[in-house]
């Protein structure tokens, strides 16, 4: 029996992280944009990235942040 192996010459590109807009985050958390903006200014909200003037929230950062809030209780 002969076993063939797949070529690994070209790496598979990693999937880009899924990013949420501020509007997406507000809808998911059922919070107002002003509240989310306040958390961002105070540093109490989920981690975010700026792409030019746009603010985006990596989904994994939002999940981690929510898990940390749950762990505090």
C-alpha atoms as a PDB file:
ATOM      1  CA  UNK A   1       0.000   0.000   0.000  1.00  0.00           C
ATOM      2  CA  UNK A   2       1.396   3.385  -1.001  1.00  0.00           C
ATOM      3  CA  UNK A   3       0.661   6.514   1.039  1.00  0.00           C
ATOM      4  CA  UNK A   4       0.800   9.892  -0.666  1.00  0.00           C
ATOM      5  CA  UNK A   5       1.443  13.046   1.278  1.00  0.00           C
ATOM      6  CA  UNK A   6       0.149  16.434   0.323  1.00  0.00           C
ATOM      7  CA  UNK A   7       2.604  19.059  -0.751  1.00  0.00           C
ATOM      8  CA  UNK A   8       3.137  21.798   1.807  1.00  0.00           C
ATOM      9  CA  UNK A   9       5.027  24.161  -0.455  1.00  0.00           C
ATOM     10  CA  UNK A  10       2.466  26.937  -0.295  1.00  0.00           C
ATOM     11  CA  UNK A  11       1.146  27.818   3.151  1.00  0.00           C
ATOM     12  CA  UNK A  12      -2.574  28.251   3.571  1.00  0.00           C
ATOM     13  CA  UNK A  13      -3.282  31.890   4.392  1.00  0.00           C
ATOM     14  CA  UNK A  14      -4.872  32.459   7.781  1.00  0.00           C
ATOM     15  CA  UNK A  15      -8.429  33.734   7.783  1.00  0.00           C
ATOM     16  CA  UNK A  16      -8.573  37.438   8.592  1.00  0.00           C
ATOM     17  CA  UNK A  17     -10.029  38.239  11.979  1.00  0.00           C
ATOM     18  CA  UNK A  18     -13.710  39.032  11.987  1.00  0.00           C
ATOM     19  CA  UNK A  19     -14.195  42.694  12.859  1.00  0.00           C
ATOM     20  CA  UNK A  20     -17.333  44.355  14.214  1.00  0.00           C
ATOM     21  CA  UNK A  21     -18.268  47.960  13.604  1.00  0.00           C
ATOM     22  CA  UNK A  22     -19.397  50.126  16.497  1.00  0.00           C
ATOM     23  CA  UNK A  23     -22.957  49.714  15.241  1.00  0.00           C
ATOM     24  CA  UNK A  24     -22.549  45.903  15.204  1.00  0.00           C
ATOM     25  CA  UNK A  25     -21.221  45.956  18.769  1.00  0.00           C
ATOM     26  CA  UNK A  26     -24.050  48.201  19.964  1.00  0.00           C
ATOM     27  CA  UNK A  27     -26.631  45.872  18.424  1.00  0.00           C
ATOM     28  CA  UNK A  28     -24.978  42.767  19.872  1.00  0.00           C
ATOM     29  CA  UNK A  29     -24.731  44.229  23.393  1.00  0.00           C
ATOM     30  CA  UNK A  30     -27.936  46.269  23.186  1.00  0.00           C
ATOM     31  CA  UNK A  31     -26.086  49.407  24.250  1.00  0.00           C
ATOM     32  CA  UNK A  32     -26.229  52.916  22.848  1.00  0.00           C
ATOM     33  CA  UNK A  33     -23.376  54.250  20.720  1.00  0.00           C
ATOM     34  CA  UNK A  34     -22.705  56.885  23.404  1.00  0.00           C
ATOM     35  CA  UNK A  35     -22.255  54.156  26.029  1.00  0.00           C
ATOM     36  CA  UNK A  36     -19.882  52.152  23.814  1.00  0.00           C
ATOM     37  CA  UNK A  37     -17.908  55.314  22.994  1.00  0.00           C
ATOM     38  CA  UNK A  38     -17.672  56.136  26.706  1.00  0.00           C
ATOM     39  CA  UNK A  39     -16.336  52.658  27.492  1.00  0.00           C
ATOM     40  CA  UNK A  40     -13.781  53.045  24.711  1.00  0.00           C
ATOM     41  CA  UNK A  41     -12.613  56.437  26.068  1.00  0.00           C
ATOM     42  CA  UNK A  42     -12.368  55.086  29.631  1.00  0.00           C
ATOM     43  CA  UNK A  43     -10.641  51.892  28.528  1.00  0.00           C
ATOM     44  CA  UNK A  44     -13.322  49.705  30.117  1.00  0.00           C
ATOM     45  CA  UNK A  45     -14.721  48.191  26.917  1.00  0.00           C
ATOM     46  CA  UNK A  46     -13.383  45.513  24.609  1.00  0.00           C
ATOM     47  CA  UNK A  47     -10.105  46.037  22.773  1.00  0.00           C
ATOM     48  CA  UNK A  48     -10.476  47.828  19.464  1.00  0.00           C
ATOM     49  CA  UNK A  49      -8.412  48.735  16.444  1.00  0.00           C
ATOM     50  CA  UNK A  50      -8.412  51.862  14.355  1.00  0.00           C
ATOM     51  CA  UNK A  51      -8.217  51.584  10.610  1.00  0.00           C
ATOM     52  CA  UNK A  52      -7.796  55.175   9.566  1.00  0.00           C
ATOM     53  CA  UNK A  53     -10.668  56.932  11.300  1.00  0.00           C
ATOM     54  CA  UNK A  54     -12.764  53.763  11.540  1.00  0.00           C
ATOM     55  CA  UNK A  55     -13.014  51.886  14.833  1.00  0.00           C
ATOM     56  CA  UNK A  56     -13.382  48.108  14.680  1.00  0.00           C
ATOM     57  CA  UNK A  57     -13.748  45.470  17.384  1.00  0.00           C
ATOM     58  CA  UNK A  58     -12.233  42.019  16.774  1.00  0.00           C
ATOM     59  CA  UNK A  59     -14.888  39.418  17.609  1.00  0.00           C
ATOM     60  CA  UNK A  60     -12.395  37.437  19.672  1.00  0.00           C
ATOM     61  CA  UNK A  61     -11.651  40.553  21.773  1.00  0.00           C
ATOM     62  CA  UNK A  62     -15.370  41.078  22.397  1.00  0.00           C
ATOM     63  CA  UNK A  63     -15.794  37.413  23.416  1.00  0.00           C
ATOM     64  CA  UNK A  64     -12.765  37.611  25.734  1.00  0.00           C
ATOM     65  CA  UNK A  65     -14.048  40.832  27.276  1.00  0.00           C
ATOM     66  CA  UNK A  66     -17.483  39.352  27.935  1.00  0.00           C
ATOM     67  CA  UNK A  67     -15.906  36.235  29.457  1.00  0.00           C
ATOM     68  CA  UNK A  68     -13.776  38.402  31.744  1.00  0.00           C
ATOM     69  CA  UNK A  69     -16.878  40.321  32.861  1.00  0.00           C
ATOM     70  CA  UNK A  70     -18.644  37.037  33.623  1.00  0.00           C
ATOM     71  CA  UNK A  71     -15.637  35.778  35.589  1.00  0.00           C
ATOM     72  CA  UNK A  72     -15.698  38.896  37.798  1.00  0.00           C
ATOM     73  CA  UNK A  73     -19.156  38.026  39.113  1.00  0.00           C
END
